[in-house]
Amino acid sequence: MEMARSHPDLYQTLSNRFGLSVRAELDTLARRAADAGHASLSEVELDALSDTAVALLAHHAGPSGASVPRERLINLVDHVLVVLLTRARAAE
């Protein structure tokens, strides 16, 4: 990503691949949640969830692209992704 900062085409390619990877993983999780009895997500909902996750990760990484602290990732999963995937709060 450091090299991509000065190469817009490379940055776009890496960003697109990251977004597709996040969406694929969230699709898997959404299917598992549906198999467990939670409401299925529509493609529109899944796209919005994916965009939200990517935006939050980019925000927490900051302009330097630093690693997101483990505690932040846990909070993102427990208090955002699980809630949106299952429409229920994560167990405390």
C-alpha atoms as a PDB file:
ATOM      1  CA  MET A   1       0.000   0.000   0.000  1.00  0.00           C
ATOM      2  CA  GLU A   2       2.931   2.332   0.633  1.00  0.00           C
ATOM      3  CA  MET A   3       3.981   2.073  -3.014  1.00  0.00           C
ATOM      4  CA  ALA A   4       0.362   2.436  -4.107  1.00  0.00           C
ATOM      5  CA  ARG A   5       0.181   5.923  -2.575  1.00  0.00           C
ATOM      6  CA  SER A   6       2.130   7.251  -5.540  1.00  0.00           C
ATOM      7  CA  HIS A   7       0.542   4.942  -8.126  1.00  0.00           C
ATOM      8  CA  PRO A   8      -3.207   5.603  -8.429  1.00  0.00           C
ATOM      9  CA  ASP A   9      -3.869   2.571 -10.672  1.00  0.00           C
ATOM     10  CA  LEU A  10      -2.179   0.231  -8.206  1.00  0.00           C
ATOM     11  CA  TYR A  11      -4.055   1.841  -5.316  1.00  0.00           C
ATOM     12  CA  GLN A  12      -7.376   1.340  -7.115  1.00  0.00           C
ATOM     13  CA  THR A  13      -6.578  -2.296  -7.885  1.00  0.00           C
ATOM     14  CA  LEU A  14      -5.558  -3.058  -4.297  1.00  0.00           C
ATOM     15  CA  SER A  15      -8.576  -1.226  -2.892  1.00  0.00           C
ATOM     16  CA  ASN A  16     -10.947  -3.112  -5.184  1.00  0.00           C
ATOM     17  CA  ARG A  17      -9.406  -6.470  -4.301  1.00  0.00           C
ATOM     18  CA  PHE A  18      -9.571  -5.677  -0.580  1.00  0.00           C
ATOM     19  CA  GLY A  19     -13.220  -4.664  -0.896  1.00  0.00           C
ATOM     20  CA  LEU A  20     -14.073  -7.842  -2.806  1.00  0.00           C
ATOM     21  CA  SER A  21     -12.263  -9.949  -0.220  1.00  0.00           C
ATOM     22  CA  VAL A  22     -14.138  -8.319   2.663  1.00  0.00           C
ATOM     23  CA  ARG A  23     -17.455  -8.745   0.855  1.00  0.00           C
ATOM     24  CA  ALA A  24     -16.770 -12.431   0.164  1.00  0.00           C
ATOM     25  CA  GLU A  25     -15.984 -13.075   3.831  1.00  0.00           C
ATOM     26  CA  LEU A  26     -19.069 -11.189   4.968  1.00  0.00           C
ATOM     27  CA  ASP A  27     -21.175 -13.148   2.481  1.00  0.00           C
ATOM     28  CA  THR A  28     -19.919 -16.370   4.070  1.00  0.00           C
ATOM     29  CA  LEU A  29     -20.737 -15.047   7.547  1.00  0.00           C
ATOM     30  CA  ALA A  30     -24.169 -13.852   6.428  1.00  0.00           C
ATOM     31  CA  ARG A  31     -24.954 -17.291   5.006  1.00  0.00           C
ATOM     32  CA  ARG A  32     -23.859 -18.943   8.256  1.00  0.00           C
ATOM     33  CA  ALA A  33     -26.057 -16.547  10.230  1.00  0.00           C
ATOM     34  CA  ALA A  34     -29.013 -17.357   7.949  1.00  0.00           C
ATOM     35  CA  ASP A  35     -28.345 -21.088   8.344  1.00  0.00           C
ATOM     36  CA  ALA A  36     -28.436 -20.531  12.126  1.00  0.00           C
ATOM     37  CA  GLY A  37     -31.932 -19.058  11.834  1.00  0.00           C
ATOM     38  CA  HIS A  38     -31.240 -15.343  11.444  1.00  0.00           C
ATOM     39  CA  ALA A  39     -32.803 -13.317   8.656  1.00  0.00           C
ATOM     40  CA  SER A  40     -30.969 -13.458   5.343  1.00  0.00           C
ATOM     41  CA  LEU A  41     -29.297 -10.324   4.038  1.00  0.00           C
ATOM     42  CA  SER A  42     -30.229  -9.018   0.618  1.00  0.00           C
ATOM     43  CA  GLU A  43     -27.475  -8.196  -1.865  1.00  0.00           C
ATOM     44  CA  VAL A  44     -28.066  -4.493  -1.168  1.00  0.00           C
ATOM     45  CA  GLU A  45     -27.732  -5.042   2.589  1.00  0.00           C
ATOM     46  CA  LEU A  46     -24.595  -7.129   2.082  1.00  0.00           C
ATOM     47  CA  ASP A  47     -23.069  -4.429  -0.148  1.00  0.00           C
ATOM     48  CA  ALA A  48     -23.837  -1.774   2.479  1.00  0.00           C
ATOM     49  CA  LEU A  49     -22.388  -3.929   5.255  1.00  0.00           C
ATOM     50  CA  SER A  50     -19.242  -4.551   3.231  1.00  0.00           C
ATOM     51  CA  ASP A  51     -18.820  -0.861   2.398  1.00  0.00           C
ATOM     52  CA  THR A  52     -19.302  -0.013   6.079  1.00  0.00           C
ATOM     53  CA  ALA A  53     -16.713  -2.556   7.222  1.00  0.00           C
ATOM     54  CA  VAL A  54     -14.156  -1.366   4.658  1.00  0.00           C
ATOM     55  CA  ALA A  55     -14.764   2.283   5.607  1.00  0.00           C
ATOM     56  CA  LEU A  56     -14.381   1.563   9.328  1.00  0.00           C
ATOM     57  CA  LEU A  57     -11.185  -0.410   8.745  1.00  0.00           C
ATOM     58  CA  ALA A  58      -9.757   2.364   6.573  1.00  0.00           C
ATOM     59  CA  HIS A  59     -10.737   4.957   9.181  1.00  0.00           C
ATOM     60  CA  HIS A  60      -9.067   3.065  12.013  1.00  0.00           C
ATOM     61  CA  ALA A  61      -5.946   2.365   9.927  1.00  0.00           C
ATOM     62  CA  GLY A  62      -5.595   6.083   9.233  1.00  0.00           C
ATOM     63  CA  PRO A  63      -3.716   7.689   6.375  1.00  0.00           C
ATOM     64  CA  SER A  64      -0.561   5.714   7.155  1.00  0.00           C
ATOM     65  CA  GLY A  65      -2.360   2.392   6.712  1.00  0.00           C
ATOM     66  CA  ALA A  66      -1.283   1.230  10.162  1.00  0.00           C
ATOM     67  CA  SER A  67      -2.462  -2.117  11.491  1.00  0.00           C
ATOM     68  CA  VAL A  68      -5.827  -1.866  13.198  1.00  0.00           C
ATOM     69  CA  PRO A  69      -5.416  -2.731  16.884  1.00  0.00           C
ATOM     70  CA  ARG A  70      -6.839  -6.111  17.882  1.00  0.00           C
ATOM     71  CA  GLU A  71      -9.245  -4.549  20.395  1.00  0.00           C
ATOM     72  CA  ARG A  72     -10.701  -2.316  17.659  1.00  0.00           C
ATOM     73  CA  LEU A  73     -11.244  -5.333  15.415  1.00  0.00           C
ATOM     74  CA  ILE A  74     -12.965  -7.217  18.232  1.00  0.00           C
ATOM     75  CA  ASN A  75     -15.251  -4.232  18.873  1.00  0.00           C
ATOM     76  CA  LEU A  76     -16.014  -3.908  15.163  1.00  0.00           C
ATOM     77  CA  VAL A  77     -16.985  -7.566  14.950  1.00  0.00           C
ATOM     78  CA  ASP A  78     -18.920  -7.753  18.235  1.00  0.00           C
ATOM     79  CA  HIS A  79     -20.723  -4.424  18.133  1.00  0.00           C
ATOM     80  CA  VAL A  80     -21.192  -3.764  14.432  1.00  0.00           C
ATOM     81  CA  LEU A  81     -20.869  -6.840  12.241  1.00  0.00           C
ATOM     82  CA  VAL A  82     -22.602  -9.349  14.535  1.00  0.00           C
ATOM     83  CA  VAL A  83     -25.437  -6.909  15.180  1.00  0.00           C
ATOM     84  CA  LEU A  84     -25.926  -6.250  11.477  1.00  0.00           C
ATOM     85  CA  LEU A  85     -25.609  -9.902  10.478  1.00  0.00           C
ATOM     86  CA  THR A  86     -27.950 -11.277  13.145  1.00  0.00           C
ATOM     87  CA  ARG A  87     -29.984  -8.233  14.126  1.00  0.00           C
ATOM     88  CA  ALA A  88     -29.097  -9.121  17.721  1.00  0.00           C
ATOM     89  CA  ARG A  89     -26.448  -7.816  20.084  1.00  0.00           C
ATOM     90  CA  ALA A  90     -23.353  -9.887  20.708  1.00  0.00           C
ATOM     91  CA  ALA A  91     -23.161 -11.680  24.029  1.00  0.00           C
ATOM     92  CA  GLU A  92     -21.216  -9.645  26.555  1.00  0.00           C
END
